[in-house]
Amino acid sequence: MMTGSFRKGARVKWNRGQGVGRGRISERFERQVERRIEGAVVRRNGSSRDPAYLVAADSGCEVLKLGSELSPA
């Protein structure tokens, strides 16, 4: 069974610092992926069992998360 499987456009949330981030799935990756986000290189090892997702956060930035780090919002 896949962990945290979401479709493009799905609303998701994740823990961040002292609160919860929320956003919408933009892309899905079933392989290692790397993105430069706000000047930092972010990597996730996506797989068919635990895909990586590029998420358009409600705050206006992008985040790269594994499905296991996300839950439905």
N, C-alpha and C. Protein backbone atom coordinates (compact mmCIF):
# COMPACT_ATOMS: atom_id res chain seq x y z
N MET A 1 0.84 -1.19 0.00
CA MET A 1 0.00 0.00 0.00
C MET A 1 0.88 1.24 0.00
N MET A 2 0.53 2.21 -0.83
CA MET A 2 1.30 3.45 -0.91
C MET A 2 0.97 4.34 0.28
N THR A 3 1.97 5.06 0.72
CA THR A 3 1.82 6.04 1.79
C THR A 3 1.54 7.40 1.18
N GLY A 4 0.58 8.11 1.69
CA GLY A 4 0.35 9.49 1.27
C GLY A 4 0.27 9.69 -0.22
N SER A 5 -0.68 9.04 -0.89
CA SER A 5 -0.84 9.18 -2.33
C SER A 5 -1.88 10.26 -2.62
N PHE A 6 -1.47 11.30 -3.36
CA PHE A 6 -2.35 12.43 -3.66
C PHE A 6 -2.32 12.74 -5.15
N ARG A 7 -3.41 13.28 -5.66
CA ARG A 7 -3.49 13.70 -7.07
C ARG A 7 -3.14 15.17 -7.19
N LYS A 8 -2.76 15.56 -8.40
CA LYS A 8 -2.50 16.97 -8.69
C LYS A 8 -3.75 17.77 -8.36
N GLY A 9 -3.57 18.89 -7.67
CA GLY A 9 -4.69 19.74 -7.29
C GLY A 9 -5.28 19.43 -5.92
N ALA A 10 -4.88 18.30 -5.32
CA ALA A 10 -5.41 17.93 -4.00
C ALA A 10 -4.93 18.91 -2.94
N ARG A 11 -5.79 19.23 -1.98
CA ARG A 11 -5.43 20.08 -0.84
C ARG A 11 -4.77 19.20 0.22
N VAL A 12 -3.62 19.66 0.73
CA VAL A 12 -2.87 18.90 1.73
C VAL A 12 -2.41 19.83 2.86
N LYS A 13 -1.96 19.20 3.95
CA LYS A 13 -1.37 19.95 5.06
C LYS A 13 -0.17 19.17 5.58
N TRP A 14 0.70 19.87 6.31
CA TRP A 14 1.91 19.27 6.87
C TRP A 14 2.33 20.06 8.10
N ASN A 15 3.07 19.41 8.98
CA ASN A 15 3.60 20.09 10.17
C ASN A 15 4.79 20.93 9.76
N ARG A 16 4.85 22.15 10.30
CA ARG A 16 6.00 23.03 10.04
C ARG A 16 6.24 23.89 11.26
N GLY A 17 7.42 23.77 11.80
CA GLY A 17 7.79 24.59 12.95
C GLY A 17 6.76 24.54 14.05
N GLN A 18 6.18 25.69 14.33
CA GLN A 18 5.18 25.81 15.40
C GLN A 18 3.75 25.71 14.90
N GLY A 19 3.55 25.33 13.65
CA GLY A 19 2.19 25.30 13.13
C GLY A 19 2.00 24.26 12.05
N VAL A 20 1.03 24.54 11.19
CA VAL A 20 0.67 23.64 10.10
C VAL A 20 0.69 24.42 8.80
N GLY A 21 1.35 23.85 7.78
CA GLY A 21 1.33 24.43 6.45
C GLY A 21 0.20 23.81 5.65
N ARG A 22 -0.33 24.56 4.71
CA ARG A 22 -1.40 24.06 3.84
C ARG A 22 -1.13 24.50 2.42
N GLY A 23 -1.58 23.68 1.47
CA GLY A 23 -1.39 24.04 0.08
C GLY A 23 -2.05 23.05 -0.85
N ARG A 24 -1.67 23.14 -2.13
CA ARG A 24 -2.26 22.31 -3.19
C ARG A 24 -1.14 21.63 -3.97
N ILE A 25 -1.31 20.34 -4.26
CA ILE A 25 -0.32 19.57 -5.01
C ILE A 25 -0.17 20.13 -6.42
N SER A 26 1.09 20.40 -6.82
CA SER A 26 1.39 20.89 -8.18
C SER A 26 1.96 19.79 -9.06
N GLU A 27 2.89 19.00 -8.49
CA GLU A 27 3.54 17.92 -9.25
C GLU A 27 3.81 16.74 -8.34
N ARG A 28 3.93 15.56 -8.96
CA ARG A 28 4.21 14.31 -8.24
C ARG A 28 5.44 13.67 -8.86
N PHE A 29 6.34 13.13 -8.03
CA PHE A 29 7.58 12.52 -8.50
C PHE A 29 7.77 11.15 -7.86
N GLU A 30 7.97 10.12 -8.67
CA GLU A 30 8.26 8.78 -8.15
C GLU A 30 9.73 8.47 -8.35
N ARG A 31 10.58 9.46 -8.12
CA ARG A 31 12.03 9.35 -8.27
C ARG A 31 12.66 10.43 -7.40
N GLN A 32 13.99 10.40 -7.32
CA GLN A 32 14.67 11.46 -6.58
C GLN A 32 14.45 12.78 -7.31
N VAL A 33 14.17 13.82 -6.55
CA VAL A 33 13.90 15.13 -7.14
C VAL A 33 14.63 16.20 -6.32
N GLU A 34 15.06 17.24 -7.02
CA GLU A 34 15.77 18.34 -6.38
C GLU A 34 15.22 19.64 -6.93
N ARG A 35 14.95 20.59 -6.06
CA ARG A 35 14.45 21.90 -6.45
C ARG A 35 15.17 22.97 -5.63
N ARG A 36 15.37 24.14 -6.23
CA ARG A 36 15.89 25.29 -5.49
C ARG A 36 14.66 26.09 -5.05
N ILE A 37 14.47 26.17 -3.75
CA ILE A 37 13.30 26.85 -3.19
C ILE A 37 13.79 27.91 -2.21
N GLU A 38 13.47 29.16 -2.50
CA GLU A 38 13.88 30.29 -1.66
C GLU A 38 15.38 30.27 -1.37
N GLY A 39 16.18 29.97 -2.41
CA GLY A 39 17.63 30.00 -2.30
C GLY A 39 18.27 28.75 -1.74
N ALA A 40 17.50 27.79 -1.27
CA ALA A 40 18.04 26.55 -0.71
C ALA A 40 17.73 25.38 -1.64
N VAL A 41 18.67 24.44 -1.75
CA VAL A 41 18.44 23.24 -2.54
C VAL A 41 17.73 22.23 -1.65
N VAL A 42 16.56 21.78 -2.09
CA VAL A 42 15.76 20.82 -1.33
C VAL A 42 15.68 19.53 -2.15
N ARG A 43 15.96 18.39 -1.49
CA ARG A 43 15.91 17.09 -2.16
C ARG A 43 14.95 16.15 -1.44
N ARG A 44 14.28 15.34 -2.20
CA ARG A 44 13.45 14.28 -1.64
C ARG A 44 13.65 13.04 -2.49
N ASN A 45 13.69 11.89 -1.85
CA ASN A 45 13.83 10.61 -2.55
C ASN A 45 12.45 10.00 -2.76
N GLY A 46 11.73 10.50 -3.74
CA GLY A 46 10.42 9.97 -4.05
C GLY A 46 10.52 8.57 -4.63
N SER A 47 9.47 7.78 -4.44
CA SER A 47 9.41 6.42 -4.98
C SER A 47 7.95 6.10 -5.27
N SER A 48 7.70 4.94 -5.85
CA SER A 48 6.31 4.55 -6.12
C SER A 48 5.56 4.32 -4.81
N ARG A 49 6.27 3.92 -3.75
CA ARG A 49 5.64 3.67 -2.44
C ARG A 49 5.46 4.94 -1.62
N ASP A 50 6.32 5.93 -1.84
CA ASP A 50 6.26 7.20 -1.10
C ASP A 50 6.69 8.33 -2.03
N PRO A 51 5.79 8.77 -2.92
CA PRO A 51 6.13 9.80 -3.90
C PRO A 51 6.50 11.13 -3.24
N ALA A 52 7.28 11.91 -3.96
CA ALA A 52 7.58 13.29 -3.56
C ALA A 52 6.58 14.20 -4.27
N TYR A 53 6.24 15.30 -3.62
CA TYR A 53 5.27 16.24 -4.17
C TYR A 53 5.79 17.66 -4.08
N LEU A 54 5.61 18.41 -5.16
CA LEU A 54 5.83 19.84 -5.14
C LEU A 54 4.48 20.45 -4.79
N VAL A 55 4.46 21.24 -3.72
CA VAL A 55 3.20 21.80 -3.22
C VAL A 55 3.25 23.32 -3.30
N ALA A 56 2.21 23.91 -3.86
CA ALA A 56 2.05 25.37 -3.86
C ALA A 56 1.38 25.72 -2.53
N ALA A 57 2.18 26.26 -1.61
CA ALA A 57 1.68 26.58 -0.27
C ALA A 57 0.75 27.79 -0.31
N ASP A 58 -0.20 27.82 0.59
CA ASP A 58 -1.12 28.95 0.69
C ASP A 58 -0.38 30.25 0.98
N SER A 59 0.81 30.15 1.57
CA SER A 59 1.62 31.34 1.90
C SER A 59 2.26 31.96 0.67
N GLY A 60 2.17 31.26 -0.48
CA GLY A 60 2.72 31.79 -1.72
C GLY A 60 4.03 31.17 -2.16
N CYS A 61 4.67 30.38 -1.30
CA CYS A 61 5.92 29.73 -1.68
C CYS A 61 5.64 28.29 -2.13
N GLU A 62 6.69 27.61 -2.57
CA GLU A 62 6.58 26.19 -2.91
C GLU A 62 7.33 25.39 -1.87
N VAL A 63 6.86 24.17 -1.62
CA VAL A 63 7.55 23.24 -0.73
C VAL A 63 7.64 21.89 -1.42
N LEU A 64 8.66 21.13 -1.08
CA LEU A 64 8.85 19.78 -1.62
C LEU A 64 8.74 18.82 -0.46
N LYS A 65 7.76 17.92 -0.50
CA LYS A 65 7.48 17.01 0.60
C LYS A 65 7.27 15.61 0.08
N LEU A 66 7.55 14.62 0.93
CA LEU A 66 7.19 13.24 0.63
C LEU A 66 5.73 13.04 1.02
N GLY A 67 5.08 12.09 0.37
CA GLY A 67 3.69 11.79 0.70
C GLY A 67 3.52 11.45 2.17
N SER A 68 4.52 10.80 2.77
CA SER A 68 4.44 10.41 4.18
C SER A 68 4.47 11.63 5.11
N GLU A 69 4.86 12.79 4.59
CA GLU A 69 4.89 14.02 5.39
C GLU A 69 3.59 14.81 5.27
N LEU A 70 2.70 14.38 4.38
CA LEU A 70 1.47 15.12 4.08
C LEU A 70 0.23 14.39 4.57
N SER A 71 -0.83 15.15 4.82
CA SER A 71 -2.15 14.58 5.07
C SER A 71 -3.20 15.40 4.33
N PRO A 72 -4.36 14.82 4.08
CA PRO A 72 -5.42 15.57 3.41
C PRO A 72 -5.82 16.78 4.25
N ALA A 73 -6.10 17.89 3.58
CA ALA A 73 -6.51 19.12 4.31
C ALA A 73 -8.02 19.27 4.26
